[in-house]
């Protein structure tokens, strides 16, 4: 399994400045795991918490379940308060852009 943390603020320096780290985490299968070398469907799982807290116990099991079903799974730690909407949407768009190019 490929587990990687991607700091989206480093990859996309024009993202709005916030006090929260914006991290895309991968839970992807590799060729060594018996995965095919073809493209696989991907899903980004977001944590709950209503923009003021991060409920991290929710999204990792969901991402692992998607991975077990054949998806390349990713979780996104997006900005929390005091960051205001639509910062989180810009961060999600950056994550989708990153996955499409990589």
C-alpha atoms as a PDB file:
ATOM      1  CA  UNK A   1       0.000   0.000   0.000  1.00  0.00           C
ATOM      2  CA  UNK A   2       1.232   3.450  -0.869  1.00  0.00           C
ATOM      3  CA  UNK A   3       0.691   5.885   1.975  1.00  0.00           C
ATOM      4  CA  UNK A   4       1.752   9.415   1.237  1.00  0.00           C
ATOM      5  CA  UNK A   5       1.027  12.860   2.702  1.00  0.00           C
ATOM      6  CA  UNK A   6       0.830  15.649   0.131  1.00  0.00           C
ATOM      7  CA  UNK A   7       0.965  19.223   1.442  1.00  0.00           C
ATOM      8  CA  UNK A   8      -1.363  20.986  -0.981  1.00  0.00           C
ATOM      9  CA  UNK A   9      -0.246  24.450   0.136  1.00  0.00           C
ATOM     10  CA  UNK A  10       3.241  23.637  -1.174  1.00  0.00           C
ATOM     11  CA  UNK A  11       1.911  22.212  -4.430  1.00  0.00           C
ATOM     12  CA  UNK A  12      -0.575  25.070  -4.922  1.00  0.00           C
ATOM     13  CA  UNK A  13       0.987  28.169  -3.315  1.00  0.00           C
ATOM     14  CA  UNK A  14      -1.921  30.354  -4.466  1.00  0.00           C
ATOM     15  CA  UNK A  15      -4.394  28.594  -2.175  1.00  0.00           C
ATOM     16  CA  UNK A  16      -5.888  31.016   0.371  1.00  0.00           C
ATOM     17  CA  UNK A  17      -3.750  31.437   3.488  1.00  0.00           C
ATOM     18  CA  UNK A  18      -5.204  29.709   6.550  1.00  0.00           C
ATOM     19  CA  UNK A  19      -3.900  28.515   9.914  1.00  0.00           C
ATOM     20  CA  UNK A  20      -4.717  24.879   9.127  1.00  0.00           C
ATOM     21  CA  UNK A  21      -2.553  22.426   7.206  1.00  0.00           C
ATOM     22  CA  UNK A  22      -4.173  21.205   4.016  1.00  0.00           C
ATOM     23  CA  UNK A  23      -3.055  17.616   3.542  1.00  0.00           C
ATOM     24  CA  UNK A  24      -4.083  15.029   0.974  1.00  0.00           C
ATOM     25  CA  UNK A  25      -3.335  11.512   2.234  1.00  0.00           C
ATOM     26  CA  UNK A  26      -3.206   8.552  -0.129  1.00  0.00           C
ATOM     27  CA  UNK A  27      -4.329   5.019   0.546  1.00  0.00           C
ATOM     28  CA  UNK A  28      -3.415   3.566  -2.826  1.00  0.00           C
ATOM     29  CA  UNK A  29      -2.630   0.096  -4.040  1.00  0.00           C
ATOM     30  CA  UNK A  30       0.655  -0.489  -5.811  1.00  0.00           C
ATOM     31  CA  UNK A  31       1.826  -3.124  -8.283  1.00  0.00           C
ATOM     32  CA  UNK A  32       3.472  -4.943  -5.378  1.00  0.00           C
ATOM     33  CA  UNK A  33       0.023  -5.260  -3.777  1.00  0.00           C
ATOM     34  CA  UNK A  34      -1.198  -7.117  -6.846  1.00  0.00           C
ATOM     35  CA  UNK A  35      -2.863  -4.033  -8.298  1.00  0.00           C
ATOM     36  CA  UNK A  36      -3.094  -3.742 -12.040  1.00  0.00           C
ATOM     37  CA  UNK A  37      -1.034  -1.077 -13.757  1.00  0.00           C
ATOM     38  CA  UNK A  38      -4.131   0.376 -15.392  1.00  0.00           C
ATOM     39  CA  UNK A  39      -5.841   3.489 -14.122  1.00  0.00           C
ATOM     40  CA  UNK A  40      -8.156   2.868 -11.202  1.00  0.00           C
ATOM     41  CA  UNK A  41     -11.129   4.897  -9.999  1.00  0.00           C
ATOM     42  CA  UNK A  42     -10.340   7.263  -7.157  1.00  0.00           C
ATOM     43  CA  UNK A  43     -12.339   8.759  -4.316  1.00  0.00           C
ATOM     44  CA  UNK A  44     -11.588  11.613  -1.906  1.00  0.00           C
ATOM     45  CA  UNK A  45     -13.051  11.147   1.576  1.00  0.00           C
ATOM     46  CA  UNK A  46     -13.634  14.261   3.689  1.00  0.00           C
ATOM     47  CA  UNK A  47     -13.760  14.320   7.464  1.00  0.00           C
ATOM     48  CA  UNK A  48     -16.735  15.555   9.440  1.00  0.00           C
ATOM     49  CA  UNK A  49     -16.693  18.239  12.076  1.00  0.00           C
ATOM     50  CA  UNK A  50     -18.606  21.173  10.643  1.00  0.00           C
ATOM     51  CA  UNK A  51     -15.565  23.336   9.754  1.00  0.00           C
ATOM     52  CA  UNK A  52     -14.623  23.912  13.406  1.00  0.00           C
ATOM     53  CA  UNK A  53     -13.061  20.536  14.284  1.00  0.00           C
ATOM     54  CA  UNK A  54     -11.663  17.508  12.498  1.00  0.00           C
ATOM     55  CA  UNK A  55     -13.219  14.146  13.267  1.00  0.00           C
ATOM     56  CA  UNK A  56     -10.307  11.987  12.146  1.00  0.00           C
ATOM     57  CA  UNK A  57     -11.798   8.707  13.331  1.00  0.00           C
ATOM     58  CA  UNK A  58     -14.406   8.872  10.574  1.00  0.00           C
ATOM     59  CA  UNK A  59     -12.525   9.065   7.325  1.00  0.00           C
ATOM     60  CA  UNK A  60      -9.637   6.587   7.495  1.00  0.00           C
ATOM     61  CA  UNK A  61     -11.874   3.484   7.846  1.00  0.00           C
ATOM     62  CA  UNK A  62     -14.025   4.745   4.970  1.00  0.00           C
ATOM     63  CA  UNK A  63     -10.947   5.294   2.769  1.00  0.00           C
ATOM     64  CA  UNK A  64      -9.623   1.815   3.603  1.00  0.00           C
ATOM     65  CA  UNK A  65     -12.990   0.272   2.736  1.00  0.00           C
ATOM     66  CA  UNK A  66     -13.004   2.023  -0.635  1.00  0.00           C
ATOM     67  CA  UNK A  67      -9.443   0.779  -1.192  1.00  0.00           C
ATOM     68  CA  UNK A  68     -10.525  -2.790  -0.429  1.00  0.00           C
ATOM     69  CA  UNK A  69     -13.230  -2.408  -3.091  1.00  0.00           C
ATOM     70  CA  UNK A  70     -10.653  -1.519  -5.769  1.00  0.00           C
ATOM     71  CA  UNK A  71     -10.498   2.278  -5.523  1.00  0.00           C
ATOM     72  CA  UNK A  72      -7.467   4.452  -4.987  1.00  0.00           C
ATOM     73  CA  UNK A  73      -8.601   6.287  -1.861  1.00  0.00           C
ATOM     74  CA  UNK A  74      -7.551   9.662  -0.507  1.00  0.00           C
ATOM     75  CA  UNK A  75      -8.483  11.730   2.513  1.00  0.00           C
ATOM     76  CA  UNK A  76      -8.342  15.511   2.647  1.00  0.00           C
ATOM     77  CA  UNK A  77      -7.623  17.551   5.765  1.00  0.00           C
ATOM     78  CA  UNK A  78      -9.132  20.881   4.783  1.00  0.00           C
ATOM     79  CA  UNK A  79      -9.043  24.259   6.535  1.00  0.00           C
ATOM     80  CA  UNK A  80     -11.006  24.756   9.720  1.00  0.00           C
ATOM     81  CA  UNK A  81     -12.288  27.897  11.401  1.00  0.00           C
ATOM     82  CA  UNK A  82     -11.337  30.731  11.362  1.00  0.00           C
ATOM     83  CA  UNK A  83     -10.968  29.980   7.624  1.00  0.00           C
ATOM     84  CA  UNK A  84     -14.201  30.932   5.925  1.00  0.00           C
ATOM     85  CA  UNK A  85     -16.165  29.291   3.156  1.00  0.00           C
ATOM     86  CA  UNK A  86     -15.282  28.896   0.217  1.00  0.00           C
ATOM     87  CA  UNK A  87     -11.629  28.218   1.195  1.00  0.00           C
ATOM     88  CA  UNK A  88     -12.497  24.557   1.719  1.00  0.00           C
ATOM     89  CA  UNK A  89     -13.935  24.260  -1.794  1.00  0.00           C
ATOM     90  CA  UNK A  90     -10.756  25.725  -3.281  1.00  0.00           C
ATOM     91  CA  UNK A  91      -8.750  23.132  -1.317  1.00  0.00           C
ATOM     92  CA  UNK A  92     -10.946  20.298  -2.561  1.00  0.00           C
ATOM     93  CA  UNK A  93     -10.603  21.579  -6.141  1.00  0.00           C
ATOM     94  CA  UNK A  94      -6.806  21.637  -5.688  1.00  0.00           C
ATOM     95  CA  UNK A  95      -6.906  18.022  -4.457  1.00  0.00           C
ATOM     96  CA  UNK A  96      -8.938  16.931  -7.492  1.00  0.00           C
ATOM     97  CA  UNK A  97      -6.558  18.796  -9.796  1.00  0.00           C
ATOM     98  CA  UNK A  98      -3.544  17.138  -8.152  1.00  0.00           C
ATOM     99  CA  UNK A  99      -5.061  13.660  -8.565  1.00  0.00           C
ATOM    100  CA  UNK A 100      -5.971  14.245 -12.197  1.00  0.00           C
ATOM    101  CA  UNK A 101      -2.424  15.320 -13.077  1.00  0.00           C
ATOM    102  CA  UNK A 102      -0.723  12.596 -11.043  1.00  0.00           C
END
